[in-house]
Every structure is written in C-alpha cells, then in structure tokens.
Amino acid sequence: MSSELMQALDELQAAKGVSKDKILEAVAKALEKSYEKNYQDETNVEVVADRNTGEFRVYQIKDVVETVEDPISELTLAEAQERDREAQLGDQVRIEVKPQNFGRVAAQTARNIIIQQLRDAERSAVYDAYIDKMREIIVGTVQRFDHNNIYVDLGKSEGVIPKREQIPTERLHVGDRVKSYVADVRISSRGPQILLSRAHPTFVARLFEAEVPEIEEGIVEIYSVSREAGSRTKIAVYSKDPNVDPIGACVGYKGNRVNLIVDELNGEKMDIIIYDDNPEVFIANALSPSAVDRVIANAEEKSAVVVVPDDQLSLAIGKEGQNVRLAARLTGWKIDIKGKSQFDEDPSAYLTDDEETQGALDLFTLPEERAEESPEQEDRVEENLEPEDEADA
C-alpha cells in the first residue's frame, strides 16, 4: 500500500506540479479527521506520515495527571513513564494505536477529504505558478470555445479569453498558437482562474517591449497606450537619448518591427506618436494623422480646444469620433475639435483675455530651445497603461 501510494504521489507531483509533502500532509489530516469522526471515543489523535516510506501512524494523545478522571484522554504519571521515562505531570504523551477496521464509512470519508485537500493543493500550486506572470505575455494553444469564451491550454493550466477581451475582427481556431496578456489571476470556488486578454492596451505595450530592443534597454520608453481592439491603437513614446528617434526605433527598418506587431493584432492600425511634456504639443501629436493649427489648453480643467484646418476636420475627429476619442484617452485630456473657419467666427469664445491679447499658442512657432531630458515617469507609465474609462471627446 505505502509503496503504491508513494509511486502515485510521485506521478501526481510530476503531472500536476503539486508537492508530494503537501499531499502527504493532506492525507494525514484527512485520516485524522476520519478517525476522530468514526471513533468518537478516541477524539484526541494525531496522524503522522513518514515522508520516505509513505507509512501513516496514528497516535492517541493523553495528558499526564495525578488522578485520572477520564481514561480516554488522561493517564497517570507511572503509566506515562512506562512509555517515556522523562514524562512529568502536565505533559502530553503520544500512544501509538493500530486501528484495525476503519470501515467503509471511514474509508469513504478519508477518500473525500483527501480529494478535496489535493484539489486545494493543486489550485494553490497553479495560482503560485501564474501569479508571477501577471501583466505579462503568455503563449498557449487554443483548446476549445464555449459561450463566446476562448479557452487556452497553457501547459499546467487553462486560461480563458472572455468575449470582451478578444479582438473583434479576429477568428481563432482550435490548435492555433496564440499570445495573450495575463490580465488577472484569482482563486475562486471552482479553482484558479487565469483571465487572458488580447484586447487590453497593455498587450500592445508588451508586444513593443518584446520587439524593440531600445525599449527593453530603457532608451525608449512608452508613456501611454489607447486602443480600440481590432481597429486602431495609439501609442505615445519618448527617447531618453536625443540621438535615438523613438518612432524610428518602434517602426524598425522598412517597418519590420511594427509590422510584426500589426500582424499579431490581425492588421490593427497603429499610430506611433511622440510624447511631449508640453500638453499642447502632446495633444497635437496625439491627433495624428491630422494637421493641427493650434491648441488652447485649460490646465485646471484638463481640457483643450484644438483648431484644425477645415479640410482636416473629419480626419481629426475620425470615423465615428475614433481619432479624437483615442487621443483623449492617450493624453488624459478632454479634447474639443474646431474647424478654423468656425474658430475664426468667434475666437473670444475659446480664448482667455491674455490669449486674446497675445494670440493663441501657435504650435509651429514654439521656442526652439526645449528641455533635452525626458521627465521622470517610471511611476506614471504603468498607471497610464492600465485600462481607463472612455475620456470625453
């Protein structure tokens, strides 16, 4: 029995990654509970497992007292010293018992508890294995589809891509190798749940980190990402080295780097723009590919009026407002787009007194001298890469 048990535990450890010691501990506790339940006159017992042989021993624990009132849980000092010469009054003595017949009910009880304990141990092992992969990319194989969810075989466990986390324009098939972003790992009553995403904005950031050495080396950094999965993504980057073009680094020679990412995202359009610590310039950049005449920013309300040439108005807004919506999410500013002719009809409606006197900020007459060093944003980057509620556009 013990050799068969140890062989089974070795196989279970190899297949499931569950520690053999944890399994033995679970079995011992299960036997202890089963013994106490089915032998009520032996309530104070301890089951000990031998880690080498798989043998289990049952011990009844008794208190050493001067006068025995309950022979089930007590024994005299003389009786205790027959088993342990150093026993003293007030000590506890373990007496090995050899139960002959647990019976069918006892065996079934032990079996059920063992199964539950093993499930819990396996869940804990899976959770520990994947919690460190949170917010990273993982590769798996599409296993099945169920209720619009995609289940992915990750090797030791299974992840799920809910419908809301899928790329709407993408059609995956059973057996496809797929990259996903680990959005969450949690323990539930049904076991560990590994929530995967291909629609998360940070998924794009991780793809760029994998494909662009300058990002991995920290020369180029990602400030923020806004995305409508399957349609368009805007990613703001900046360089810590004035000799390195952040957009060129992300695009790669003949577009080889960005094309790999676009292919991974099923042809999703990609706007790579330069982050600038001047909000007016950043907002103008974010509205690419539209040209921008000027930006009138209200720092207190974090809102801006952007004036564009009349023939660029539809491009600035984008189809169904997509371009300005993504720009608003990327920058964190509320953006209101105005055509030049509309703005010229009543500039005072958009300008403060100082701006009326001095003229609104013209993006193309900015001072040439700019701070060369990029702002310290390490704490802000991950925050900006987290999903946000839709900004008002």
Protein backbone atom coordinates (compact mmCIF):
# COMPACT_ATOMS: atom_id res chain seq x y z
CA MET A 1 0.00 0.00 0.00
CA SER A 2 2.67 2.52 1.03
CA SER A 3 4.90 1.82 -1.97
CA GLU A 4 1.94 2.14 -4.32
CA LEU A 5 0.96 5.39 -2.59
CA MET A 6 4.44 6.88 -2.94
CA GLN A 7 4.57 5.90 -6.61
CA ALA A 8 1.19 7.53 -7.17
CA LEU A 9 2.32 10.66 -5.34
CA ASP A 10 5.49 10.85 -7.46
CA GLU A 11 3.39 10.64 -10.63
CA LEU A 12 0.94 13.24 -9.33
CA GLN A 13 3.76 15.60 -8.43
CA ALA A 14 5.26 15.26 -11.90
CA ALA A 15 1.94 15.66 -13.72
CA LYS A 16 0.31 18.36 -11.60
CA GLY A 17 3.27 20.11 -10.03
CA VAL A 18 1.81 19.56 -6.55
CA SER A 19 4.33 18.99 -3.77
CA LYS A 20 4.46 15.39 -2.53
CA ASP A 21 4.97 16.63 1.03
CA LYS A 22 1.83 18.75 0.80
CA ILE A 23 -0.11 15.73 -0.44
CA LEU A 24 1.14 13.55 2.43
CA GLU A 25 0.23 16.27 4.89
CA ALA A 26 -3.25 16.49 3.36
CA VAL A 27 -3.67 12.72 3.55
CA ALA A 28 -2.57 12.67 7.20
CA LYS A 29 -5.05 15.39 8.11
CA ALA A 30 -7.78 13.56 6.21
CA LEU A 31 -7.09 10.32 8.06
CA GLU A 32 -7.03 12.19 11.36
CA LYS A 33 -10.44 13.74 10.73
CA SER A 34 -11.85 10.45 9.53
CA TYR A 35 -10.54 8.63 12.62
CA GLU A 36 -11.97 11.23 15.00
CA LYS A 37 -15.34 11.13 13.25
CA ASN A 38 -15.70 7.36 13.26
CA TYR A 39 -14.03 6.58 16.60
CA GLN A 40 -15.59 9.13 18.89
CA ASP A 41 -14.05 7.57 21.97
CA GLU A 42 -10.61 8.39 20.51
CA THR A 43 -11.09 12.07 19.85
CA ASN A 44 -7.60 13.37 20.65
CA VAL A 45 -5.42 11.78 17.98
CA GLU A 46 -2.59 12.70 15.66
CA VAL A 47 -1.75 11.06 12.36
CA VAL A 48 1.89 11.27 11.27
CA ALA A 49 3.11 10.49 7.75
CA ASP A 50 6.57 9.13 7.01
CA ARG A 51 7.91 11.26 4.11
CA ASN A 52 10.21 8.46 2.94
CA THR A 53 8.05 5.34 3.11
CA GLY A 54 4.54 6.72 2.96
CA GLU A 55 3.61 4.87 6.17
CA PHE A 56 0.99 6.52 8.39
CA ARG A 57 0.95 6.12 12.17
CA VAL A 58 -1.93 7.03 14.46
CA TYR A 59 -1.19 8.34 17.95
CA GLN A 60 -3.60 8.95 20.77
CA ILE A 61 -2.58 11.98 22.84
CA LYS A 62 -3.15 11.79 26.59
CA ASP A 63 -2.49 14.26 29.40
CA VAL A 64 -0.31 13.16 32.33
CA VAL A 65 -2.29 13.77 35.55
CA GLU A 66 -2.05 12.81 39.20
CA THR A 67 -5.57 11.38 39.35
CA VAL A 68 -7.24 10.01 36.24
CA GLU A 69 -10.81 11.19 35.76
CA ASP A 70 -11.15 10.50 32.03
CA PRO A 71 -9.22 7.39 30.95
CA ILE A 72 -9.84 8.26 27.29
CA SER A 73 -7.72 11.42 27.47
CA GLU A 74 -5.68 11.01 30.68
CA LEU A 75 -3.15 8.66 32.25
CA THR A 76 -1.15 8.57 35.49
CA LEU A 77 2.47 9.62 35.82
CA ALA A 78 3.52 6.00 36.37
CA GLU A 79 1.77 4.88 33.18
CA ALA A 80 3.31 7.75 31.25
CA GLN A 81 6.83 6.97 32.47
CA GLU A 82 6.47 3.40 31.26
CA ARG A 83 6.46 4.90 27.77
CA ASP A 84 8.67 7.91 28.37
CA ARG A 85 10.95 8.00 31.41
CA GLU A 86 11.23 11.78 31.23
CA ALA A 87 7.45 12.38 31.32
CA GLN A 88 6.24 14.76 34.03
CA LEU A 89 2.86 15.84 35.37
CA GLY A 90 1.20 18.22 32.92
CA ASP A 91 2.97 16.73 29.88
CA GLN A 92 1.26 15.10 26.93
CA VAL A 93 2.18 11.58 25.89
CA ARG A 94 1.62 10.09 22.45
CA ILE A 95 0.49 6.48 22.43
CA GLU A 96 0.50 4.67 19.11
CA VAL A 97 -2.75 2.92 18.29
CA LYS A 98 -3.35 0.47 15.48
CA PRO A 99 -6.92 0.78 14.24
CA GLN A 100 -7.93 -2.49 12.67
CA ASN A 101 -11.12 -1.52 10.91
CA PHE A 102 -11.87 1.96 9.76
CA GLY A 103 -14.87 0.50 8.00
CA ARG A 104 -16.47 1.50 4.74
CA VAL A 105 -17.74 4.84 6.06
CA ALA A 106 -14.35 5.79 7.49
CA ALA A 107 -12.57 4.91 4.26
CA GLN A 108 -15.06 6.88 2.18
CA THR A 109 -14.76 9.87 4.49
CA ALA A 110 -10.98 9.79 4.23
CA ARG A 111 -11.16 9.48 0.45
CA ASN A 112 -13.45 12.51 0.11
CA ILE A 113 -11.30 14.67 2.36
CA ILE A 114 -8.13 13.61 0.54
CA ILE A 115 -9.63 14.51 -2.82
CA GLN A 116 -10.63 17.94 -1.54
CA GLN A 117 -7.25 18.54 0.03
CA LEU A 118 -5.50 17.56 -3.19
CA ARG A 119 -7.72 19.89 -5.19
CA ASP A 120 -6.88 22.74 -2.86
CA ALA A 121 -3.15 21.97 -3.07
CA GLU A 122 -3.32 21.81 -6.86
CA ARG A 123 -5.22 25.10 -7.03
CA SER A 124 -2.63 26.74 -4.82
CA ALA A 125 0.21 25.40 -6.98
CA VAL A 126 -1.42 26.70 -10.17
CA TYR A 127 -2.08 30.08 -8.57
CA ASP A 128 1.53 30.37 -7.40
CA ALA A 129 2.79 29.40 -10.86
CA TYR A 130 0.83 32.09 -12.71
CA ILE A 131 0.54 34.99 -10.27
CA ASP A 132 4.11 35.99 -11.17
CA LYS A 133 3.08 36.16 -14.83
CA MET A 134 0.51 38.87 -14.14
CA ARG A 135 0.66 41.74 -16.66
CA GLU A 136 2.96 39.78 -18.94
CA ILE A 137 2.52 37.97 -22.26
CA ILE A 138 2.00 34.21 -22.23
CA VAL A 139 1.77 31.77 -25.13
CA GLY A 140 -0.76 28.96 -25.30
CA THR A 141 -2.80 26.81 -27.66
CA VAL A 142 -6.47 27.39 -28.39
CA GLN A 143 -8.22 24.40 -26.86
CA ARG A 144 -11.96 25.00 -27.19
CA PHE A 145 -14.74 27.55 -27.50
CA ASP A 146 -17.65 27.81 -25.08
CA HIS A 147 -20.31 30.54 -24.76
CA ASN A 148 -18.19 33.03 -26.74
CA ASN A 149 -15.21 32.39 -24.46
CA ILE A 150 -11.92 31.04 -25.81
CA TYR A 151 -10.15 28.52 -23.60
CA VAL A 152 -6.37 28.35 -23.99
CA ASP A 153 -4.14 25.47 -22.92
CA LEU A 154 -1.20 26.99 -21.02
CA GLY A 155 0.51 23.72 -20.19
CA LYS A 156 -0.08 23.33 -16.47
CA SER A 157 -3.42 25.08 -16.52
CA GLU A 158 -6.09 26.60 -18.70
CA GLY A 159 -6.71 30.29 -19.33
CA VAL A 160 -9.81 31.95 -20.69
CA ILE A 161 -10.21 34.88 -23.06
CA PRO A 162 -13.70 36.30 -22.47
CA LYS A 163 -15.51 37.82 -25.42
CA ARG A 164 -14.86 41.38 -24.20
CA GLU A 165 -11.10 40.64 -24.18
CA GLN A 166 -10.97 39.26 -27.72
CA ILE A 167 -10.06 41.18 -30.88
CA PRO A 168 -13.46 41.55 -32.60
CA THR A 169 -12.05 41.17 -36.11
CA GLU A 170 -10.00 38.08 -35.26
CA ARG A 171 -11.05 34.49 -35.86
CA LEU A 172 -9.04 31.91 -33.96
CA HIS A 173 -9.28 28.13 -34.43
CA VAL A 174 -8.66 25.12 -32.22
CA GLY A 175 -4.95 24.32 -32.29
CA ASP A 176 -3.82 27.89 -33.04
CA ARG A 177 -0.82 29.14 -31.06
CA VAL A 178 -1.82 32.45 -29.52
CA LYS A 179 -0.14 35.16 -27.47
CA SER A 180 -2.22 36.71 -24.69
CA TYR A 181 -1.83 39.22 -21.91
CA VAL A 182 -2.35 37.86 -18.37
CA ALA A 183 -4.88 40.36 -17.07
CA ASP A 184 -5.76 38.65 -13.79
CA VAL A 185 -5.15 35.52 -11.73
CA ARG A 186 -7.56 34.73 -8.95
CA ILE A 187 -8.73 31.90 -6.69
CA SER A 188 -12.42 31.02 -6.88
CA SER A 189 -14.61 28.21 -5.57
CA ARG A 190 -14.08 26.49 -8.92
CA GLY A 191 -10.31 26.77 -8.73
CA PRO A 192 -7.72 29.21 -10.10
CA GLN A 193 -8.96 31.44 -12.90
CA ILE A 194 -6.44 32.86 -15.36
CA LEU A 195 -8.01 35.75 -17.24
CA LEU A 196 -6.32 36.42 -20.57
CA SER A 197 -6.72 39.34 -22.94
CA ARG A 198 -5.82 40.23 -26.50
CA ALA A 199 -7.77 43.49 -26.35
CA HIS A 200 -6.02 45.11 -23.38
CA PRO A 201 -3.99 48.27 -24.20
CA THR A 202 -1.02 46.97 -22.24
CA PHE A 203 -0.91 43.92 -24.51
CA VAL A 204 0.31 46.26 -27.26
CA ALA A 205 2.89 47.79 -24.92
CA ARG A 206 4.25 44.33 -24.06
CA LEU A 207 4.48 43.43 -27.77
CA PHE A 208 6.55 46.56 -28.42
CA GLU A 209 8.77 45.77 -25.44
CA ALA A 210 9.44 42.34 -26.92
CA GLU A 211 10.16 43.60 -30.46
CA VAL A 212 12.03 46.87 -29.81
CA PRO A 213 15.46 46.45 -28.13
CA GLU A 214 15.62 50.18 -27.33
CA ILE A 215 12.52 49.80 -25.15
CA GLU A 216 13.91 46.75 -23.38
CA GLU A 217 17.16 48.64 -22.74
CA GLY A 218 15.28 51.66 -21.36
CA ILE A 219 16.46 54.09 -24.04
CA VAL A 220 12.95 54.47 -25.46
CA GLU A 221 10.01 54.42 -23.09
CA ILE A 222 6.27 54.01 -23.55
CA TYR A 223 4.28 56.78 -21.92
CA SER A 224 0.73 55.60 -22.64
CA VAL A 225 -1.41 53.48 -24.93
CA SER A 226 -5.00 53.92 -26.06
CA ARG A 227 -6.71 51.27 -28.07
CA GLU A 228 -9.89 50.13 -29.71
CA ALA A 229 -9.01 46.49 -30.32
CA GLY A 230 -9.28 45.32 -33.88
CA SER A 231 -9.45 48.84 -35.26
CA ARG A 232 -6.78 51.28 -34.09
CA THR A 233 -4.15 51.86 -31.44
CA LYS A 234 -2.27 55.00 -30.48
CA ILE A 235 0.96 54.61 -28.55
CA ALA A 236 2.96 57.52 -27.15
CA VAL A 237 6.72 57.04 -26.82
CA TYR A 238 9.73 59.18 -26.00
CA SER A 239 13.50 58.79 -26.03
CA LYS A 240 15.95 59.43 -23.22
CA ASP A 241 18.74 59.70 -25.79
CA PRO A 242 18.48 62.74 -28.11
CA ASN A 243 20.33 60.71 -30.77
CA VAL A 244 17.65 58.00 -30.84
CA ASP A 245 14.43 58.58 -32.76
CA PRO A 246 11.70 56.85 -30.71
CA ILE A 247 9.33 56.48 -33.65
CA GLY A 248 12.06 55.10 -35.90
CA ALA A 249 13.07 52.62 -33.21
CA CYS A 250 9.50 51.36 -32.90
CA VAL A 251 8.91 51.18 -36.64
CA GLY A 252 12.18 49.45 -37.45
CA TYR A 253 13.99 49.04 -40.76
CA LYS A 254 11.39 49.14 -43.54
CA GLY A 255 8.72 48.78 -40.85
CA ASN A 256 9.80 45.27 -39.86
CA ARG A 257 9.22 45.77 -36.12
CA VAL A 258 5.84 47.44 -36.22
CA ASN A 259 4.66 45.11 -38.99
CA LEU A 260 5.24 42.09 -36.76
CA ILE A 261 3.04 43.69 -34.13
CA VAL A 262 0.36 44.68 -36.63
CA ASP A 263 0.31 41.10 -37.94
CA GLU A 264 -0.05 39.77 -34.39
CA LEU A 265 -3.03 42.12 -33.91
CA ASN A 266 -4.73 40.96 -37.10
CA GLY A 267 -3.99 44.10 -39.10
CA GLU A 268 -4.90 46.66 -36.45
CA LYS A 269 -3.86 50.20 -37.46
CA MET A 270 -1.04 51.66 -35.40
CA ASP A 271 -0.30 55.35 -34.71
CA ILE A 272 3.07 55.86 -33.02
CA ILE A 273 3.39 59.39 -31.71
CA ILE A 274 5.95 61.27 -29.64
CA TYR A 275 5.09 62.12 -26.06
CA ASP A 276 5.87 65.71 -25.05
CA ASP A 277 5.72 67.20 -21.57
CA ASN A 278 4.13 70.28 -23.11
CA PRO A 279 0.43 69.28 -23.14
CA GLU A 280 -0.37 71.41 -26.18
CA VAL A 281 2.29 69.69 -28.26
CA PHE A 282 1.35 66.27 -26.90
CA ILE A 283 -2.30 66.80 -27.76
CA ALA A 284 -1.41 67.93 -31.28
CA ASN A 285 0.81 64.88 -31.74
CA ALA A 286 -1.92 62.61 -30.42
CA LEU A 287 -4.33 63.76 -33.13
CA SER A 288 -2.07 62.38 -35.86
CA PRO A 289 -2.50 61.89 -38.79
CA SER A 290 -4.48 65.15 -38.76
CA ALA A 291 -2.70 68.51 -39.08
CA VAL A 292 -3.29 70.92 -36.19
CA ASP A 293 -3.17 74.73 -36.30
CA ARG A 294 -3.22 75.46 -32.59
CA VAL A 295 -4.18 74.10 -29.19
CA ILE A 296 -5.82 76.17 -26.46
CA ALA A 297 -5.38 74.29 -23.19
CA ASN A 298 -7.10 74.77 -19.84
CA ALA A 299 -4.77 73.14 -17.34
CA GLU A 300 -7.17 73.48 -14.39
CA GLU A 301 -9.95 71.60 -16.14
CA LYS A 302 -7.53 69.47 -18.16
CA SER A 303 -9.44 70.28 -21.31
CA ALA A 304 -8.33 71.69 -24.63
CA VAL A 305 -9.80 73.28 -27.75
CA VAL A 306 -7.94 72.17 -30.86
CA VAL A 307 -8.16 74.20 -34.07
CA VAL A 308 -7.57 72.31 -37.31
CA PRO A 309 -7.77 73.32 -40.96
CA ASP A 310 -11.30 72.91 -42.28
CA ASP A 311 -10.24 70.20 -44.70
CA GLN A 312 -8.69 68.26 -41.78
CA LEU A 313 -11.75 68.38 -39.51
CA SER A 314 -13.17 64.98 -40.41
CA LEU A 315 -9.70 63.41 -40.23
CA ALA A 316 -9.05 64.93 -36.79
CA ILE A 317 -12.36 63.66 -35.45
CA GLY A 318 -12.08 60.31 -37.19
CA LYS A 319 -14.76 57.85 -38.19
CA GLU A 320 -17.46 57.93 -35.52
CA GLY A 321 -15.13 60.11 -33.42
CA GLN A 322 -12.49 57.43 -33.05
CA ASN A 323 -9.38 59.56 -33.64
CA VAL A 324 -10.24 62.25 -31.12
CA ARG A 325 -11.53 59.66 -28.65
CA LEU A 326 -8.25 57.73 -28.74
CA ALA A 327 -6.28 60.97 -28.49
CA ALA A 328 -8.26 61.95 -25.40
CA ARG A 329 -7.53 58.62 -23.74
CA LEU A 330 -3.86 58.77 -24.73
CA THR A 331 -3.31 62.23 -23.26
CA GLY A 332 -5.82 62.14 -20.42
CA TRP A 333 -7.28 65.46 -21.62
CA LYS A 334 -10.78 66.29 -22.79
CA ILE A 335 -10.43 67.46 -26.40
CA ASP A 336 -12.83 69.62 -28.38
CA ILE A 337 -12.11 69.88 -32.12
CA LYS A 338 -12.98 73.07 -34.05
CA GLY A 339 -12.51 73.84 -37.71
CA LYS A 340 -10.54 77.00 -38.45
CA SER A 341 -13.47 78.85 -40.02
CA GLN A 342 -15.69 78.05 -37.02
CA PHE A 343 -12.98 79.22 -34.64
CA ASP A 344 -12.38 82.44 -36.61
CA GLU A 345 -16.07 83.39 -36.38
CA ASP A 346 -15.73 83.97 -32.63
CA PRO A 347 -12.21 83.40 -31.22
CA SER A 348 -13.15 85.10 -27.95
CA ALA A 349 -15.39 82.16 -27.11
CA TYR A 350 -12.32 79.96 -26.76
CA LEU A 351 -9.56 82.38 -25.64
CA THR A 352 -8.80 83.96 -22.28
CA ASP A 353 -8.08 87.70 -22.07
CA ASP A 354 -4.32 87.09 -22.13
CA GLU A 355 -4.61 84.83 -25.13
CA GLU A 356 -6.73 87.38 -26.98
CA THR A 357 -4.04 89.98 -26.39
CA GLN A 358 -1.03 87.81 -27.14
CA GLY A 359 -2.57 85.41 -29.63
CA ALA A 360 -3.29 81.75 -29.09
CA LEU A 361 -0.42 79.29 -28.94
CA ASP A 362 0.73 78.51 -32.46
CA LEU A 363 2.20 75.04 -32.42
CA PHE A 364 4.57 75.84 -35.23
CA THR A 365 6.18 78.91 -33.64
CA LEU A 366 7.21 77.30 -30.37
CA PRO A 367 10.62 78.23 -28.93
CA GLU A 368 13.34 76.06 -30.38
CA GLU A 369 15.08 75.50 -27.08
CA ARG A 370 13.40 72.67 -25.21
CA ALA A 371 14.48 70.66 -22.19
CA GLU A 372 16.53 67.78 -23.51
CA GLU A 373 15.87 65.41 -20.65
CA SER A 374 12.63 63.45 -20.65
CA PRO A 375 10.54 63.73 -17.46
CA GLU A 376 10.87 61.08 -14.78
CA GLN A 377 7.76 58.99 -15.32
CA GLU A 378 8.56 55.47 -14.15
CA ASP A 379 5.70 55.54 -11.67
CA ARG A 380 3.32 57.02 -14.22
CA VAL A 381 3.94 54.71 -17.17
CA GLU A 382 2.28 51.61 -15.74
CA GLU A 383 -0.57 53.73 -14.45
CA ASN A 384 -1.12 55.18 -17.90
CA LEU A 385 -1.04 51.71 -19.43
CA GLU A 386 -3.88 50.50 -17.25
CA PRO A 387 -7.39 50.41 -18.77
CA GLU A 388 -9.25 53.70 -18.41
CA ASP A 389 -12.83 54.72 -18.73
CA GLU A 390 -13.54 56.40 -22.01
CA ALA A 391 -12.46 60.01 -21.88
CA ASP A 392 -14.96 62.54 -23.11
CA ALA A 393 -14.07 63.75 -26.50
